[in-house]
Amino acid sequence: MNVTLAVKQYISKMIENSGPGMKVLLMDKETTSIVSVVYTQSEILQKEVYLFERIDSQSRDNMKHLKAICFLRPTKENVENLIQELRRPKYSVYFIYFSNVISKSEIKALAEADEQEVVAEVQGRSWEPTLLPRTTQGLTSVLLALKKCPMIRYQLSSDMAKRLGESVKQIITKEYELFDFRKTEVPPLLLIMDRSDDAITPLLNQWTYQAMVHELLGLNNNRIDLSRVPGISKELKEVVLSAENDEFYANNLYLNFGEIGTNIKNLMEDFQKKKPKEQQKLESISDMKAFVDNYPQFKKMSGTVSKHVTVVGELSRLVSERHLMEVSEVEQELACQNDHSSASQNVRRLLQNPRVSELDAVRLVMLYALRYERHSSSILPSLMEELNRKGVSERHRRMVTSMVEYGGKRVRGSDLINPQDAVAITKQFFKGLKGVENVYTQHAPLLQETLDQLIKGRLKDSQFPYLGPSSLRDRPQDIIVFVIGGATYEEALAVYNLNRTMPGVRIVLGGTTIHNTKRSDSSTAPRDLL
């Protein structure tokens, strides 16, 4: 269940169906991002796609020698732009593909606009999406791309999870017969969770390479903005980190920061060995040919080394500047242990440290509030006053209260730890210690335990009921888990490890966004999946 590969194959099929000849790919803002994630420009050029344009651009030229492949989201704005395009076509023929289903009325409007009969094909299905939220569209897009018609389980404590499940089931059931889905003995399972059940995980610093990049630098459609890095060169102001095209990144994205430093050193040493000698003699045709043959590989490796050395160097600078190792140690204590006295002292000490940033200070108080909101000796009012003395803005201080309202004990469907239950405390503590590589990676997200129980057939129907009368009696094989309110790269690591250690089980993780702590407002604003 490789979502990137599924999307790549979907786009390849669009291009192939248009036949031979020069082509333009006509997209909107969001599908442009999708294509850039799954294809490099050189790869797509090999498929005779020579031009990339936006449907909302007003400055496109007439190019009747090109075929247009339209890949768009089925929004009202895109449909209207396409209607205007068809009334005054700039290309010879149009192949139209939507990332999700489209209504009959919109297909009719497109047909009426095609007075010059330039549309060769429209891919869309009869479904009225007016009242369905954007999240439903994104999730059903993934399911259709993967050709999965799943059974659905949802978090009972979340009304939103139930509504999303019902919307997805209605659409998938309607569309199922229109697609060539391969029926399996054990049907796939869609598990819908709500971020409010585990608001702690997005607040923690995560120490794998991929997670640190997103946390400290920001990762948007595989791109990192390094323009603010001191002394950055022009060519490194924006870099791409893609596991599809960067072997070093693919091999290291789930490793912890200590291991990354060692591997960067090895990468540098390997590069030095392969670096062409300055006095290299080119005395024969064969010498020249060998140099030319090896130069692209050397140049590519040079770019990889420069990129990762720059990224890791900036991560190291930020970790030191913000005292993140000390901050993270206290975060892990708050998340994994049950020592209120120690936690209180450590949080207060860090709040009084002038080098701890405003964001990190607020995050620590949020974690304390979620963890000890009902403790008899809670010092939350005092910590809030410390934030005020530190100069933290009122807006950020209010986030503490908002986080408790969103993910506090009153809201959670399953508690992360019950102070009254000594057995639960001991179990949580030893679960945190088992297999821990260092103090910064003790925490295991709730998602990990939930999926483990699901795979072993122990996830309670009273917490995650099925939609409809049927239930899955066999061990699930294909699992799509979707987190309303956003997933994290720590949870992506948990899914990666489960996929490695659970033979016969394949898990795909999705959510309305990918969090870092700057976006840990638990926003449920939908983000694209396809």
Protein backbone atom coordinates (compact mmCIF):
# COMPACT_ATOMS: atom_id res chain seq x y z
CA MET A 1 0.00 0.00 0.00
CA ASN A 2 2.36 2.70 -1.31
CA VAL A 3 0.37 5.95 -1.65
CA THR A 4 3.18 7.77 -3.49
CA LEU A 5 3.46 4.95 -6.01
CA ALA A 6 -0.33 4.80 -6.43
CA VAL A 7 -0.49 8.52 -7.21
CA LYS A 8 2.51 8.26 -9.54
CA GLN A 9 0.86 5.43 -11.46
CA TYR A 10 -2.37 7.42 -11.65
CA ILE A 11 -0.57 10.39 -13.22
CA SER A 12 1.41 8.11 -15.56
CA LYS A 13 -1.84 6.58 -16.78
CA MET A 14 -3.26 10.04 -17.53
CA ILE A 15 -0.23 10.88 -19.67
CA GLU A 16 -0.17 7.53 -21.46
CA ASN A 17 -3.90 7.70 -22.27
CA SER A 18 -3.36 10.96 -24.16
CA GLY A 19 -1.17 9.14 -26.70
CA PRO A 20 2.08 10.27 -28.33
CA GLY A 21 2.92 13.91 -28.99
CA MET A 22 3.86 17.07 -27.09
CA LYS A 23 1.75 17.76 -24.01
CA VAL A 24 1.02 20.45 -21.43
CA LEU A 25 0.03 19.54 -17.87
CA LEU A 26 -2.69 21.94 -16.72
CA MET A 27 -3.10 21.97 -12.92
CA ASP A 28 -4.35 24.00 -9.97
CA LYS A 29 -2.29 25.12 -6.98
CA GLU A 30 -2.89 21.92 -5.00
CA THR A 31 -2.46 19.36 -7.77
CA THR A 32 0.78 21.15 -8.74
CA SER A 33 2.10 20.28 -5.27
CA ILE A 34 0.94 16.68 -5.67
CA VAL A 35 2.75 16.19 -8.97
CA SER A 36 5.94 17.80 -7.62
CA VAL A 37 6.01 15.33 -4.73
CA VAL A 38 5.75 12.15 -6.86
CA TYR A 39 7.63 13.21 -10.03
CA THR A 40 10.86 15.04 -10.74
CA GLN A 41 10.81 17.42 -13.68
CA SER A 42 13.30 15.29 -15.63
CA GLU A 43 11.14 12.17 -15.15
CA ILE A 44 7.99 13.83 -16.44
CA LEU A 45 9.83 15.43 -19.38
CA GLN A 46 10.67 11.91 -20.57
CA LYS A 47 6.92 11.36 -21.00
CA GLU A 48 6.68 14.23 -23.54
CA VAL A 49 5.23 16.69 -21.04
CA TYR A 50 7.09 19.88 -21.97
CA LEU A 51 5.00 22.56 -20.29
CA PHE A 52 3.43 22.98 -16.86
CA GLU A 53 0.67 25.56 -16.45
CA ARG A 54 -1.90 26.68 -13.86
CA ILE A 55 -5.58 26.64 -14.83
CA ASP A 56 -6.04 30.00 -13.06
CA SER A 57 -3.23 31.72 -14.98
CA GLN A 58 -4.39 34.58 -17.20
CA SER A 59 -1.16 34.85 -19.20
CA ARG A 60 -1.04 31.54 -21.05
CA ASP A 61 -0.39 31.56 -24.80
CA ASN A 62 -2.31 29.72 -27.50
CA MET A 63 -0.38 26.55 -28.36
CA LYS A 64 -2.54 24.47 -30.66
CA HIS A 65 0.29 22.01 -31.27
CA LEU A 66 0.03 20.79 -27.65
CA LYS A 67 -2.37 18.35 -26.05
CA ALA A 68 -3.65 19.43 -22.64
CA ILE A 69 -3.81 16.98 -19.74
CA CYS A 70 -5.89 18.63 -16.99
CA PHE A 71 -5.38 17.35 -13.45
CA LEU A 72 -7.59 19.30 -11.06
CA ARG A 73 -9.45 19.13 -7.77
CA PRO A 74 -13.24 19.16 -8.36
CA THR A 75 -13.82 22.57 -6.77
CA LYS A 76 -16.35 25.08 -8.05
CA GLU A 77 -13.53 27.49 -8.88
CA ASN A 78 -11.66 24.90 -10.94
CA VAL A 79 -14.79 23.82 -12.79
CA GLU A 80 -15.57 27.46 -13.63
CA ASN A 81 -11.98 28.06 -14.82
CA LEU A 82 -12.21 24.94 -16.96
CA ILE A 83 -15.53 26.09 -18.46
CA GLN A 84 -13.89 29.38 -19.47
CA GLU A 85 -10.93 27.45 -20.89
CA LEU A 86 -13.14 25.26 -23.06
CA ARG A 87 -15.04 28.23 -24.42
CA ARG A 88 -11.73 29.64 -25.71
CA PRO A 89 -9.41 26.63 -25.98
CA LYS A 90 -5.68 27.30 -26.15
CA TYR A 91 -4.70 23.70 -26.95
CA SER A 92 -5.68 21.17 -29.60
CA VAL A 93 -7.36 18.60 -27.37
CA TYR A 94 -8.15 18.18 -23.67
CA PHE A 95 -7.95 15.11 -21.43
CA ILE A 96 -9.62 16.04 -18.13
CA TYR A 97 -8.93 14.25 -14.84
CA PHE A 98 -10.23 15.19 -11.40
CA SER A 99 -8.57 14.10 -8.14
CA ASN A 100 -11.99 13.11 -6.80
CA VAL A 101 -15.51 12.46 -8.05
CA ILE A 102 -17.53 15.22 -9.73
CA SER A 103 -21.28 15.81 -9.95
CA LYS A 104 -23.42 15.15 -13.01
CA SER A 105 -24.47 18.80 -13.13
CA GLU A 106 -20.83 19.90 -13.38
CA ILE A 107 -20.09 17.37 -16.13
CA LYS A 108 -23.11 18.72 -18.01
CA ALA A 109 -21.81 22.31 -17.63
CA LEU A 110 -18.43 21.25 -19.02
CA ALA A 111 -20.10 19.50 -21.97
CA GLU A 112 -22.14 22.60 -22.78
CA ALA A 113 -18.98 24.75 -22.72
CA ASP A 114 -17.18 22.42 -25.14
CA GLU A 115 -18.69 24.01 -28.25
CA GLN A 116 -15.53 23.37 -30.30
CA GLU A 117 -15.46 19.69 -29.25
CA VAL A 118 -11.89 19.73 -27.99
CA VAL A 119 -12.52 17.44 -24.98
CA ALA A 120 -11.40 13.90 -25.69
CA GLU A 121 -12.08 12.45 -22.23
CA VAL A 122 -13.41 13.40 -18.79
CA GLN A 123 -12.68 11.21 -15.77
CA GLY A 124 -15.27 11.85 -13.07
CA ARG A 125 -18.07 9.98 -11.31
CA SER A 126 -21.65 10.84 -10.44
CA TRP A 127 -21.56 12.02 -6.82
CA GLU A 128 -22.87 15.27 -5.32
CA PRO A 129 -20.11 16.58 -3.00
CA THR A 130 -21.68 19.92 -2.01
CA LEU A 131 -22.25 19.11 1.66
CA LEU A 132 -19.19 16.91 2.18
CA PRO A 133 -16.13 18.37 3.93
CA ARG A 134 -12.78 18.61 2.24
CA THR A 135 -11.36 15.93 4.51
CA THR A 136 -13.80 13.38 3.12
CA GLN A 137 -12.69 14.20 -0.40
CA GLY A 138 -9.04 13.74 0.45
CA LEU A 139 -9.54 10.45 2.25
CA THR A 140 -11.78 8.94 -0.42
CA SER A 141 -9.24 10.01 -3.07
CA VAL A 142 -6.60 7.90 -1.35
CA LEU A 143 -8.92 4.92 -0.97
CA LEU A 144 -9.91 5.06 -4.64
CA ALA A 145 -6.28 5.43 -5.74
CA LEU A 146 -5.34 2.38 -3.64
CA LYS A 147 -8.46 0.56 -4.89
CA LYS A 148 -9.61 -0.17 -1.34
CA CYS A 149 -13.18 -0.47 -0.14
CA PRO A 150 -12.58 -0.85 3.60
CA MET A 151 -14.57 -1.77 6.62
CA ILE A 152 -14.57 1.27 8.92
CA ARG A 153 -13.94 1.63 12.65
CA TYR A 154 -14.11 5.02 14.32
CA GLN A 155 -13.28 6.53 17.71
CA LEU A 156 -16.54 6.47 19.64
CA SER A 157 -15.70 9.52 21.75
CA SER A 158 -15.40 11.70 18.62
CA ASP A 159 -18.55 12.82 16.79
CA MET A 160 -16.33 14.10 14.00
CA ALA A 161 -14.77 10.65 13.54
CA LYS A 162 -18.21 9.09 13.19
CA ARG A 163 -19.38 11.72 10.69
CA LEU A 164 -16.24 11.32 8.62
CA GLY A 165 -16.63 7.54 8.63
CA GLU A 166 -20.26 7.79 7.49
CA SER A 167 -19.36 10.23 4.70
CA VAL A 168 -16.50 8.05 3.47
CA LYS A 169 -18.60 4.89 3.61
CA GLN A 170 -21.42 6.50 1.64
CA ILE A 171 -19.09 7.62 -1.13
CA ILE A 172 -16.93 4.50 -1.28
CA THR A 173 -19.94 2.19 -1.30
CA LYS A 174 -21.46 4.16 -4.19
CA GLU A 175 -18.21 4.25 -6.17
CA TYR A 176 -17.06 0.71 -5.41
CA GLU A 177 -18.82 -0.99 -8.30
CA LEU A 178 -17.45 1.56 -10.77
CA PHE A 179 -13.86 0.57 -10.04
CA ASP A 180 -12.02 -2.68 -10.63
CA PHE A 181 -11.29 -3.38 -6.98
CA ARG A 182 -9.67 -6.71 -6.30
CA LYS A 183 -11.75 -8.47 -3.68
CA THR A 184 -9.74 -10.11 -0.90
CA GLU A 185 -10.67 -12.69 1.69
CA VAL A 186 -9.78 -10.25 4.47
CA PRO A 187 -11.17 -6.79 3.62
CA PRO A 188 -9.05 -3.71 4.33
CA LEU A 189 -9.78 -1.65 7.43
CA LEU A 190 -10.05 2.11 7.81
CA LEU A 191 -9.43 3.27 11.40
CA ILE A 192 -10.49 6.87 12.10
CA MET A 193 -8.98 8.51 15.19
CA ASP A 194 -9.20 11.98 16.72
CA ARG A 195 -6.11 13.98 17.68
CA SER A 196 -7.81 15.11 20.90
CA ASP A 197 -7.26 11.64 22.37
CA ASP A 198 -3.50 12.22 22.31
CA ALA A 199 -2.71 15.93 22.30
CA ILE A 200 0.64 15.23 23.98
CA THR A 201 2.46 13.68 20.99
CA PRO A 202 2.41 16.79 18.74
CA LEU A 203 3.89 18.86 21.59
CA LEU A 204 7.04 16.75 21.93
CA ASN A 205 10.34 17.33 20.18
CA GLN A 206 10.96 14.32 17.95
CA TRP A 207 14.53 13.26 17.32
CA THR A 208 14.52 11.33 14.05
CA TYR A 209 16.00 13.07 11.01
CA GLN A 210 12.69 13.57 9.17
CA ALA A 211 10.90 14.75 12.32
CA MET A 212 13.67 17.18 13.30
CA VAL A 213 13.73 18.72 9.84
CA HIS A 214 9.97 19.32 10.00
CA GLU A 215 10.10 20.52 13.60
CA LEU A 216 13.00 22.95 13.31
CA LEU A 217 13.09 23.91 9.63
CA GLY A 218 9.66 23.05 8.25
CA LEU A 219 9.00 20.44 5.56
CA ASN A 220 6.41 21.40 2.95
CA ASN A 221 5.84 19.02 0.02
CA ASN A 222 9.38 17.69 0.54
CA ARG A 223 10.87 21.20 0.35
CA ILE A 224 12.87 23.03 3.04
CA ASP A 225 13.32 26.78 3.15
CA LEU A 226 16.91 27.46 4.27
CA SER A 227 16.99 31.10 3.20
CA ARG A 228 17.32 32.26 6.83
CA VAL A 229 20.34 30.10 7.56
CA PRO A 230 23.37 32.32 8.33
CA GLY A 231 25.76 32.47 5.34
CA ILE A 232 23.66 30.17 3.15
CA SER A 233 24.69 29.95 -0.51
CA LYS A 234 22.21 30.82 -3.25
CA GLU A 235 21.81 27.26 -4.52
CA LEU A 236 20.95 25.93 -1.04
CA LYS A 237 18.30 28.49 -0.07
CA GLU A 238 15.65 25.88 -0.88
CA VAL A 239 16.40 22.15 -0.97
CA VAL A 240 14.34 19.05 -1.64
CA LEU A 241 14.32 16.05 0.70
CA SER A 242 12.58 13.16 -1.00
CA ALA A 243 12.95 9.51 -0.07
CA GLU A 244 12.06 8.69 -3.69
CA ASN A 245 15.08 10.47 -5.16
CA ASP A 246 17.60 10.84 -2.33
CA GLU A 247 19.16 7.55 -1.23
CA PHE A 248 20.86 9.03 1.84
CA TYR A 249 17.61 10.57 3.07
CA ALA A 250 15.67 7.35 2.39
CA ASN A 251 18.16 5.36 4.46
CA ASN A 252 18.30 7.86 7.34
CA LEU A 253 14.91 9.54 7.74
CA TYR A 254 13.88 7.31 10.67
CA LEU A 255 17.26 7.27 12.43
CA ASN A 256 17.92 9.37 15.53
CA PHE A 257 20.03 12.48 15.51
CA GLY A 258 23.13 10.83 16.97
CA GLU A 259 23.19 8.24 14.21
CA ILE A 260 22.71 10.93 11.56
CA GLY A 261 25.90 12.68 12.66
CA THR A 262 27.90 9.46 12.23
CA ASN A 263 26.34 8.75 8.83
CA ILE A 264 27.01 12.29 7.61
CA LYS A 265 30.67 11.78 8.51
CA ASN A 266 30.73 8.50 6.56
CA LEU A 267 29.04 10.19 3.60
CA MET A 268 31.73 12.90 3.61
CA GLU A 269 34.54 10.35 3.75
CA ASP A 270 33.02 8.35 0.90
CA PHE A 271 32.69 11.53 -1.12
CA GLN A 272 36.34 12.44 -0.55
CA LYS A 273 37.43 9.03 -1.82
CA LYS A 274 35.44 9.45 -5.03
CA LYS A 275 36.36 13.09 -5.58
CA PRO A 276 38.34 13.49 -8.84
CA LYS A 277 41.96 14.37 -8.20
CA GLU A 278 42.95 17.86 -9.29
CA GLN A 279 45.90 16.51 -11.24
CA GLN A 280 43.93 13.70 -12.82
CA LYS A 281 45.49 12.96 -16.21
CA LEU A 282 43.27 12.78 -19.26
CA GLU A 283 45.80 11.39 -21.71
CA SER A 284 43.62 9.10 -23.77
CA ILE A 285 40.14 8.88 -25.17
CA SER A 286 39.32 6.18 -22.61
CA ASP A 287 40.49 8.48 -19.77
CA MET A 288 38.21 11.22 -21.03
CA LYS A 289 35.30 8.83 -21.48
CA ALA A 290 35.70 7.48 -17.94
CA PHE A 291 35.78 11.03 -16.56
CA VAL A 292 32.66 12.05 -18.48
CA ASP A 293 30.83 8.88 -17.45
CA ASN A 294 31.65 9.36 -13.79
CA TYR A 295 31.17 13.13 -13.61
CA PRO A 296 27.30 13.15 -13.35
CA GLN A 297 27.44 10.64 -10.51
CA PHE A 298 30.12 12.70 -8.75
CA LYS A 299 28.14 15.91 -9.28
CA LYS A 300 24.99 14.30 -7.86
CA MET A 301 26.89 13.03 -4.84
CA SER A 302 28.43 16.47 -4.36
CA GLY A 303 24.95 18.00 -4.24
CA THR A 304 23.74 15.36 -1.79
CA VAL A 305 26.71 15.94 0.54
CA SER A 306 26.34 19.74 0.43
CA LYS A 307 22.60 19.52 1.10
CA HIS A 308 22.72 17.15 4.07
CA VAL A 309 25.77 18.74 5.68
CA THR A 310 23.98 22.10 5.50
CA VAL A 311 20.71 20.71 6.89
CA VAL A 312 22.33 18.77 9.74
CA GLY A 313 24.57 21.73 10.55
CA GLU A 314 21.57 24.03 10.88
CA LEU A 315 19.70 21.46 13.00
CA SER A 316 22.70 21.26 15.33
CA ARG A 317 22.88 25.04 15.61
CA LEU A 318 19.20 25.32 16.51
CA VAL A 319 19.37 22.46 19.04
CA SER A 320 22.23 24.23 20.82
CA GLU A 321 20.75 27.73 20.55
CA ARG A 322 17.39 26.70 22.01
CA HIS A 323 18.74 24.25 24.65
CA LEU A 324 16.54 21.60 23.07
CA MET A 325 18.28 18.59 24.58
CA GLU A 326 17.56 19.88 28.08
CA VAL A 327 14.03 20.91 27.08
CA SER A 328 13.35 17.55 25.46
CA GLU A 329 14.50 15.63 28.53
CA VAL A 330 11.88 17.44 30.63
CA GLU A 331 9.25 16.90 27.91
CA GLN A 332 9.88 13.17 28.05
CA GLU A 333 9.64 13.22 31.84
CA LEU A 334 6.25 14.93 31.59
CA ALA A 335 5.00 12.50 28.95
CA CYS A 336 6.31 9.21 30.36
CA GLN A 337 6.78 9.48 34.12
CA ASN A 338 4.60 10.23 37.12
CA ASP A 339 6.75 12.36 39.39
CA HIS A 340 4.91 15.65 39.90
CA SER A 341 7.46 17.14 42.28
CA SER A 342 10.39 16.62 39.90
CA ALA A 343 8.38 17.74 36.86
CA SER A 344 7.27 20.95 38.60
CA GLN A 345 10.81 21.90 39.57
CA ASN A 346 12.23 21.14 36.11
CA VAL A 347 9.54 23.03 34.20
CA ARG A 348 9.92 26.09 36.46
CA ARG A 349 13.72 25.97 36.07
CA LEU A 350 13.50 25.97 32.27
CA LEU A 351 10.94 28.78 32.22
CA GLN A 352 13.43 30.91 34.13
CA ASN A 353 16.19 30.18 31.60
CA PRO A 354 16.40 33.17 29.21
CA ARG A 355 17.69 30.95 26.38
CA VAL A 356 14.54 28.81 26.33
CA SER A 357 12.36 30.23 23.56
CA GLU A 358 8.80 31.49 24.00
CA LEU A 359 7.41 28.59 21.97
CA ASP A 360 9.35 25.97 23.95
CA ALA A 361 8.27 27.54 27.25
CA VAL A 362 4.59 27.48 26.25
CA ARG A 363 4.93 23.92 25.05
CA LEU A 364 6.34 22.79 28.40
CA VAL A 365 3.46 24.41 30.28
CA MET A 366 0.96 22.82 27.87
CA LEU A 367 2.46 19.39 28.56
CA TYR A 368 2.38 20.05 32.31
CA ALA A 369 -1.26 21.18 32.08
CA LEU A 370 -2.33 18.09 30.11
CA ARG A 371 -0.39 15.77 32.39
CA TYR A 372 -1.21 17.23 35.82
CA GLU A 373 -4.39 19.23 35.20
CA ARG A 374 -6.18 17.59 38.15
CA HIS A 375 -3.23 17.02 40.47
CA SER A 376 -3.92 18.18 44.02
CA SER A 377 -0.62 20.10 44.12
CA SER A 378 -0.83 21.57 40.62
CA ILE A 379 1.30 24.70 40.15
CA LEU A 380 -0.27 25.65 36.81
CA PRO A 381 -1.28 29.20 37.95
CA SER A 382 2.29 29.80 39.09
CA LEU A 383 3.68 28.54 35.78
CA MET A 384 1.31 30.80 33.88
CA GLU A 385 2.67 33.72 35.87
CA GLU A 386 6.22 32.61 34.98
CA LEU A 387 5.24 32.77 31.31
CA ASN A 388 3.95 36.30 31.87
CA ARG A 389 7.20 37.35 33.54
CA LYS A 390 9.15 35.81 30.68
CA GLY A 391 7.32 38.14 28.31
CA VAL A 392 5.26 35.44 26.59
CA SER A 393 2.41 37.04 24.65
CA GLU A 394 -1.16 36.76 25.89
CA ARG A 395 -2.08 34.95 22.69
CA HIS A 396 0.45 32.20 23.42
CA ARG A 397 -0.52 32.02 27.10
CA ARG A 398 -4.15 31.47 26.10
CA MET A 399 -3.02 28.46 24.07
CA VAL A 400 -2.41 26.57 27.33
CA THR A 401 -6.08 26.81 28.30
CA SER A 402 -7.17 26.05 24.74
CA MET A 403 -5.04 22.90 24.66
CA VAL A 404 -6.61 21.58 27.89
CA GLU A 405 -10.07 22.33 26.51
CA TYR A 406 -9.18 20.48 23.31
CA GLY A 407 -7.30 17.45 24.65
CA GLY A 408 -7.71 17.41 28.42
CA LYS A 409 -9.00 14.56 30.54
CA ARG A 410 -12.62 15.69 30.19
CA VAL A 411 -12.40 15.30 26.40
CA ARG A 412 -10.22 12.25 25.91
CA GLY A 413 -11.92 8.98 25.08
CA SER A 414 -9.08 6.98 26.62
CA ASP A 415 -6.77 8.44 29.24
CA LEU A 416 -3.06 8.46 28.54
CA ILE A 417 -2.32 7.61 32.17
CA ASN A 418 -4.56 7.24 35.21
CA PRO A 419 -2.89 8.53 38.40
CA GLN A 420 -5.21 6.41 40.54
CA ASP A 421 -4.17 3.16 38.89
CA ALA A 422 -0.78 1.95 40.15
CA VAL A 423 -0.79 -0.97 37.71
CA ALA A 424 -1.33 1.38 34.78
CA ILE A 425 1.48 3.65 36.01
CA THR A 426 3.91 0.73 36.28
CA LYS A 427 2.90 -0.60 32.86
CA GLN A 428 3.32 2.82 31.26
CA PHE A 429 6.69 3.33 32.93
CA PHE A 430 8.16 0.02 31.82
CA LYS A 431 6.65 0.41 28.36
CA GLY A 432 8.56 3.68 28.17
CA LEU A 433 11.84 2.04 29.21
CA LYS A 434 11.63 -1.04 27.01
CA GLY A 435 13.86 -0.71 23.99
CA VAL A 436 14.65 2.93 24.66
CA GLU A 437 17.77 4.10 22.81
CA ASN A 438 18.14 7.22 24.91
CA VAL A 439 16.25 9.50 27.26
CA TYR A 440 14.91 11.60 24.37
CA THR A 441 12.93 8.77 22.75
CA GLN A 442 11.10 7.21 25.69
CA HIS A 443 7.64 8.32 24.59
CA ALA A 444 5.46 6.04 22.48
CA PRO A 445 2.37 7.66 20.91
CA LEU A 446 -1.09 6.35 21.75
CA LEU A 447 -1.47 5.42 18.09
CA GLN A 448 1.22 2.75 18.48
CA GLU A 449 -0.65 0.96 21.26
CA THR A 450 -3.99 1.36 19.46
CA LEU A 451 -2.65 -0.25 16.28
CA ASP A 452 -0.95 -3.01 18.25
CA GLN A 453 -4.28 -3.85 19.92
CA LEU A 454 -6.07 -3.67 16.57
CA ILE A 455 -3.66 -6.08 14.89
CA LYS A 456 -3.88 -8.53 17.80
CA GLY A 457 -7.71 -8.41 17.82
CA ARG A 458 -7.85 -6.69 21.23
CA LEU A 459 -9.14 -3.24 20.28
CA LYS A 460 -12.46 -2.89 22.07
CA ASP A 461 -15.62 -2.31 20.07
CA SER A 462 -16.78 -0.11 22.93
CA GLN A 463 -13.98 2.34 22.08
CA PHE A 464 -13.78 1.85 18.31
CA PRO A 465 -17.07 0.47 16.97
CA TYR A 466 -17.64 -0.63 13.39
CA LEU A 467 -19.84 1.33 11.03
CA GLY A 468 -22.67 -0.99 10.10
CA PRO A 469 -23.54 -4.49 11.32
CA SER A 470 -20.48 -6.31 9.97
CA SER A 471 -17.20 -6.72 11.83
CA LEU A 472 -13.78 -8.11 10.93
CA ARG A 473 -13.21 -11.50 12.50
CA ASP A 474 -9.81 -12.20 10.95
CA ARG A 475 -6.53 -10.43 11.64
CA PRO A 476 -6.46 -7.27 9.51
CA GLN A 477 -3.91 -7.19 6.70
CA ASP A 478 -4.35 -3.77 5.07
CA ILE A 479 -4.95 -0.89 7.52
CA ILE A 480 -5.47 2.77 6.65
CA VAL A 481 -5.40 4.89 9.80
CA PHE A 482 -6.55 8.51 9.59
CA VAL A 483 -6.06 11.06 12.39
CA ILE A 484 -8.49 13.97 12.47
CA GLY A 485 -6.53 16.97 13.70
CA GLY A 486 -3.25 15.82 12.18
CA ALA A 487 -0.60 13.13 12.49
CA THR A 488 3.06 13.43 13.52
CA TYR A 489 6.35 12.01 12.28
CA GLU A 490 6.70 10.17 15.60
CA GLU A 491 3.52 8.33 14.66
CA ALA A 492 4.90 7.77 11.15
CA LEU A 493 7.93 6.12 12.77
CA ALA A 494 5.63 3.91 14.87
CA VAL A 495 3.78 2.83 11.71
CA TYR A 496 7.10 2.19 9.93
CA ASN A 497 8.25 -0.06 12.77
CA LEU A 498 4.95 -1.94 12.89
CA ASN A 499 5.16 -2.55 9.14
CA ARG A 500 8.67 -3.96 9.65
CA THR A 501 7.85 -6.19 12.61
CA MET A 502 4.33 -7.43 11.81
CA PRO A 503 4.53 -9.88 8.88
CA GLY A 504 1.50 -9.81 6.62
CA VAL A 505 0.28 -6.43 7.90
CA ARG A 506 0.48 -3.24 5.81
CA ILE A 507 -0.37 0.12 7.41
CA VAL A 508 -0.75 3.54 5.80
CA LEU A 509 -0.97 6.65 8.01
CA GLY A 510 -2.84 9.81 7.03
CA GLY A 511 -4.27 12.90 8.67
CA THR A 512 -5.59 16.38 8.10
CA THR A 513 -2.04 17.76 8.48
CA ILE A 514 1.46 16.80 9.61
CA HIS A 515 2.25 18.55 12.88
CA ASN A 516 5.24 20.26 14.22
CA THR A 517 4.97 22.23 17.43
CA LYS A 518 4.45 25.50 15.58
CA ARG A 519 1.28 23.94 14.22
CA SER A 520 0.21 22.09 17.35
CA ASP A 521 -2.95 24.14 17.60
CA SER A 522 -4.73 20.86 16.83
CA SER A 523 -6.27 22.49 13.78
CA THR A 524 -8.56 20.22 11.84
CA ALA A 525 -8.22 22.32 8.71
CA PRO A 526 -8.04 19.75 5.92
CA ARG A 527 -4.89 19.22 3.90
CA ASP A 528 -4.55 17.40 0.61
CA LEU A 529 -4.00 13.69 0.57
CA LEU A 530 -4.14 13.39 -3.20
